[in-house]
Protein backbone atom coordinates (compact mmCIF):
# COMPACT_ATOMS: atom_id res chain seq x y z
CA MET A 1 123.74 152.08 198.57
CA SER A 2 121.97 150.59 195.34
CA GLU A 3 118.66 148.87 195.24
CA LEU A 4 118.69 145.09 193.48
CA GLY A 5 117.04 145.07 189.34
CA SER A 6 119.04 148.57 189.49
CA GLY A 7 121.49 147.74 187.25
CA ASP A 8 124.04 148.35 189.17
CA GLU A 9 126.47 145.47 189.94
CA THR A 10 127.60 144.56 193.82
CA GLU A 11 131.49 144.23 194.40
CA PHE A 12 133.14 142.65 196.70
CA THR A 13 136.78 143.74 198.02
CA MET A 14 139.86 142.23 199.99
CA GLU A 15 138.45 144.14 203.16
CA ASP A 16 134.74 142.11 202.42
CA ASP A 17 136.65 138.93 201.91
CA ASP A 18 138.77 139.67 205.46
CA SER A 19 135.75 140.17 206.38
CA LEU A 20 133.83 137.48 205.73
CA ALA A 21 136.87 134.99 207.21
CA GLY A 22 137.43 137.10 210.62
CA THR A 23 133.24 136.23 210.83
CA LEU A 24 133.71 132.93 210.01
CA SER A 25 136.53 132.11 212.38
CA GLY A 26 134.69 133.84 215.37
CA ALA A 27 131.49 131.89 214.18
CA GLU A 28 133.84 128.72 214.17
CA ALA A 29 135.80 129.57 218.18
CA LEU A 30 131.69 130.51 219.20
CA THR A 31 131.24 126.71 218.05
CA GLY A 32 134.02 125.43 220.18
CA VAL A 33 132.95 127.21 223.41
CA MET A 34 128.92 126.22 223.04
CA ALA A 35 130.24 122.54 222.25
CA ASP A 36 132.54 123.14 225.73
CA LEU A 37 129.91 124.57 227.90
CA GLU A 38 127.25 121.85 226.58
CA ALA A 39 130.06 119.42 227.78
CA ARG A 40 130.49 120.80 231.02
CA SER A 41 126.76 121.13 231.62
CA GLN A 42 126.27 117.05 231.35
CA ARG A 43 129.30 116.76 233.44
CA PHE A 44 127.41 118.86 236.12
CA GLY A 45 123.88 117.42 235.50
CA ALA A 46 125.70 113.79 235.72
CA ALA A 47 127.54 114.50 238.84
CA LEU A 48 123.71 116.38 240.51
CA THR A 49 121.56 113.31 239.36
CA GLY A 50 124.40 110.99 240.43
CA ALA A 51 124.36 113.28 244.55
CA LEU A 52 120.40 112.74 243.93
CA ARG A 53 120.55 109.18 242.95
CA SER A 54 122.67 107.93 246.30
CA ALA A 55 120.94 110.17 248.27
CA THR A 56 117.53 108.41 247.99
CA THR A 57 118.55 104.90 247.04
CA GLY A 58 121.93 104.69 249.33
CA GLY A 59 120.51 105.85 252.74
CA ARG A 60 123.37 108.91 252.43
CA GLY A 61 122.46 111.99 254.13
CA LEU A 62 121.99 114.83 252.57
CA GLU A 63 124.78 116.86 254.22
CA ASP A 64 126.97 113.72 252.75
CA VAL A 65 125.42 113.80 249.37
CA LEU A 66 125.85 117.66 249.47
CA ARG A 67 129.71 117.77 250.34
CA GLY A 68 130.28 114.84 247.60
CA LEU A 69 128.84 116.97 244.97
CA GLY A 70 130.36 119.89 245.78
CA ASN A 71 133.57 118.22 245.59
CA ARG A 72 132.71 117.13 242.10
CA LEU A 73 131.94 120.33 240.89
CA SER A 74 135.29 121.84 242.27
CA ASP A 75 136.96 119.21 240.87
CA ILE A 76 134.86 120.60 237.16
CA ALA A 77 135.75 123.86 237.46
CA LEU A 78 139.24 123.15 239.08
CA ALA A 79 140.20 121.31 235.25
CA ALA A 80 138.83 123.76 233.34
CA GLY A 81 140.75 127.06 235.29
CA LEU A 82 143.42 124.82 235.10
CA ARG A 83 143.08 123.19 231.36
CA PRO A 84 144.74 127.41 229.69
CA LEU A 85 148.03 126.79 232.05
CA GLU A 86 148.58 122.75 231.07
CA ASN A 87 148.42 123.81 227.44
CA MET A 88 150.72 127.01 227.81
CA LEU A 89 153.21 124.62 229.75
CA GLY A 90 152.94 122.05 227.24
CA ASN A 91 153.44 124.22 224.62
CA ALA A 92 156.67 125.94 226.22
CA ILE A 93 158.54 122.28 227.28
CA GLY A 94 157.56 121.27 223.40
CA GLY A 95 159.02 123.76 222.00
CA LEU A 96 162.26 123.65 224.45
CA VAL A 97 162.73 119.62 224.27
CA GLY A 98 161.88 120.30 219.71
CA SER A 99 164.79 123.09 219.79
CA VAL A 100 167.45 121.01 221.58
CA THR A 101 170.41 120.33 218.56
CA PRO A 102 173.30 117.80 219.73
CA PHE A 103 176.70 118.93 218.54
CA ALA A 104 178.88 116.37 220.24
CA ASP A 105 180.47 115.99 216.36
CA GLY A 106 180.44 119.40 215.25
CA GLY A 107 178.43 121.08 213.51
CA VAL A 108 177.12 124.92 212.22
CA VAL A 109 175.06 127.05 213.84
CA ARG A 110 173.46 130.16 211.07
CA SER A 111 171.02 131.46 213.29
CA PRO A 112 171.36 133.60 216.84
CA SER A 113 171.46 130.92 219.40
CA PHE A 114 171.38 130.99 223.22
CA PHE A 115 173.25 128.48 225.42
CA PRO A 116 174.09 128.07 228.95
CA MET A 117 177.48 129.39 230.05
CA GLY A 118 178.45 129.11 233.74
CA GLY A 119 175.29 130.02 235.17
CA ASP A 120 175.42 132.76 232.92
CA MET A 121 174.03 132.30 228.51
CA GLY A 122 176.06 132.66 225.66
CA LEU A 123 175.28 133.61 222.03
CA MET A 124 176.66 132.06 219.47
CA GLY A 125 175.64 133.17 215.63
CA GLU A 126 174.60 136.32 215.88
CA ALA A 127 177.22 137.76 213.44
CA GLY A 128 176.58 134.65 210.80
CA ALA A 129 177.99 130.95 210.91
CA GLU A 130 179.61 129.69 213.24
CA ALA A 131 181.43 126.31 213.85
CA ILE A 132 181.08 124.09 216.60
CA LEU A 133 184.32 122.41 216.99
CA PRO A 134 184.79 119.22 219.43
CA LEU A 135 188.14 119.37 221.19
CA ARG A 136 189.82 115.89 221.66
CA ARG A 137 192.94 115.27 224.03
CA GLY A 138 196.31 114.22 221.15
CA PRO A 139 198.61 111.11 222.29
CA ASP A 140 200.91 113.83 223.84
CA GLY A 141 198.03 115.47 226.06
CA ALA A 142 197.51 118.30 223.96
CA LEU A 143 193.80 119.35 223.25
CA GLY A 144 193.31 120.24 219.86
CA VAL A 145 190.50 119.97 217.53
CA ALA A 146 189.97 116.66 215.92
CA SER A 147 190.38 116.14 212.53
CA ALA A 148 188.13 113.98 210.22
CA GLY A 149 188.50 110.37 210.59
CA GLY A 150 191.69 111.22 213.32
CA ALA A 151 194.13 110.95 210.50
CA ALA A 152 195.92 114.38 209.45
CA PRO A 153 195.29 116.21 206.50
CA GLN A 154 196.74 115.33 203.24
CA ILE A 155 197.71 117.43 200.42
CA VAL A 156 198.86 115.94 196.88
CA PHE A 157 200.73 117.32 194.10
CA ASN A 158 200.78 115.29 190.77
CA VAL A 159 203.84 116.47 188.70
CA THR A 160 204.43 116.00 185.56
CA ALA A 161 208.04 115.95 184.15
CA SER A 162 209.57 114.63 180.58
CA ASP A 163 213.01 113.07 182.78
CA ALA A 164 214.61 113.97 185.51
CA ALA A 165 216.19 117.54 184.91
CA SER A 166 212.60 118.65 184.32
CA PHE A 167 211.48 117.07 187.91
CA ARG A 168 214.27 119.27 189.14
CA LYS A 169 213.59 122.49 187.63
CA SER A 170 209.90 122.34 189.51
CA GLU A 171 211.06 121.46 193.04
CA GLY A 172 211.06 124.96 193.63
CA GLN A 173 207.51 125.58 192.64
CA ILE A 174 206.09 122.31 194.48
CA SER A 175 207.95 123.71 197.84
CA ALA A 176 205.89 126.73 197.28
CA MET A 177 202.46 125.46 196.32
CA LEU A 178 203.39 123.20 199.92
CA ALA A 179 204.04 126.26 201.56
CA ARG A 180 200.82 128.08 200.62
CA SER A 181 198.81 125.15 201.33
CA VAL A 182 200.34 124.78 204.72
CA SER A 183 199.57 128.11 205.91
CA ARG A 184 196.38 128.04 204.15
CA GLY A 185 195.40 125.55 206.49
CA ARG A 186 196.76 127.35 209.46
CA ARG A 187 194.57 130.20 208.87
CA GLY A 188 191.38 127.76 208.09
CA LEU A 189 190.88 128.76 204.69
């Protein structure tokens, strides 16, 4: 180790920064624990003082005062002991409620997600994006995927022809394009 004034410069590394950050974090945590301990000791002192005051001024017997003090101290200890469990349950419930996404109108699941399925658990989105499509019954009673707005998809062709004869010549091409569009629609492309 070099001495000050010997011309050597002190180097600080990332490890020193991490160590300093860890020390500061530990000191902050210790400060929080000490503040909590001080608050608990003040509550204990207040409970003890109140019990002794009621014994001397209220005419209560020592046994009643000590029983009341014991109950109060038990309440303080129980509240302190259950606080971590309360925080853990609160975080778990908050995580579950915060992660619920409604899909009544459909949607896309882009990452693996579990869902209840008849007493078991289902998994969707594990191989990439998957769609959720709401089903509806049509007027004929058939169950199927409802299209947006409840209307059938439309296919539009714009044909430019100089006269009726050229339009008749393109009729075969139009029929082929229509057949390809219907085929793609059935495949979901």
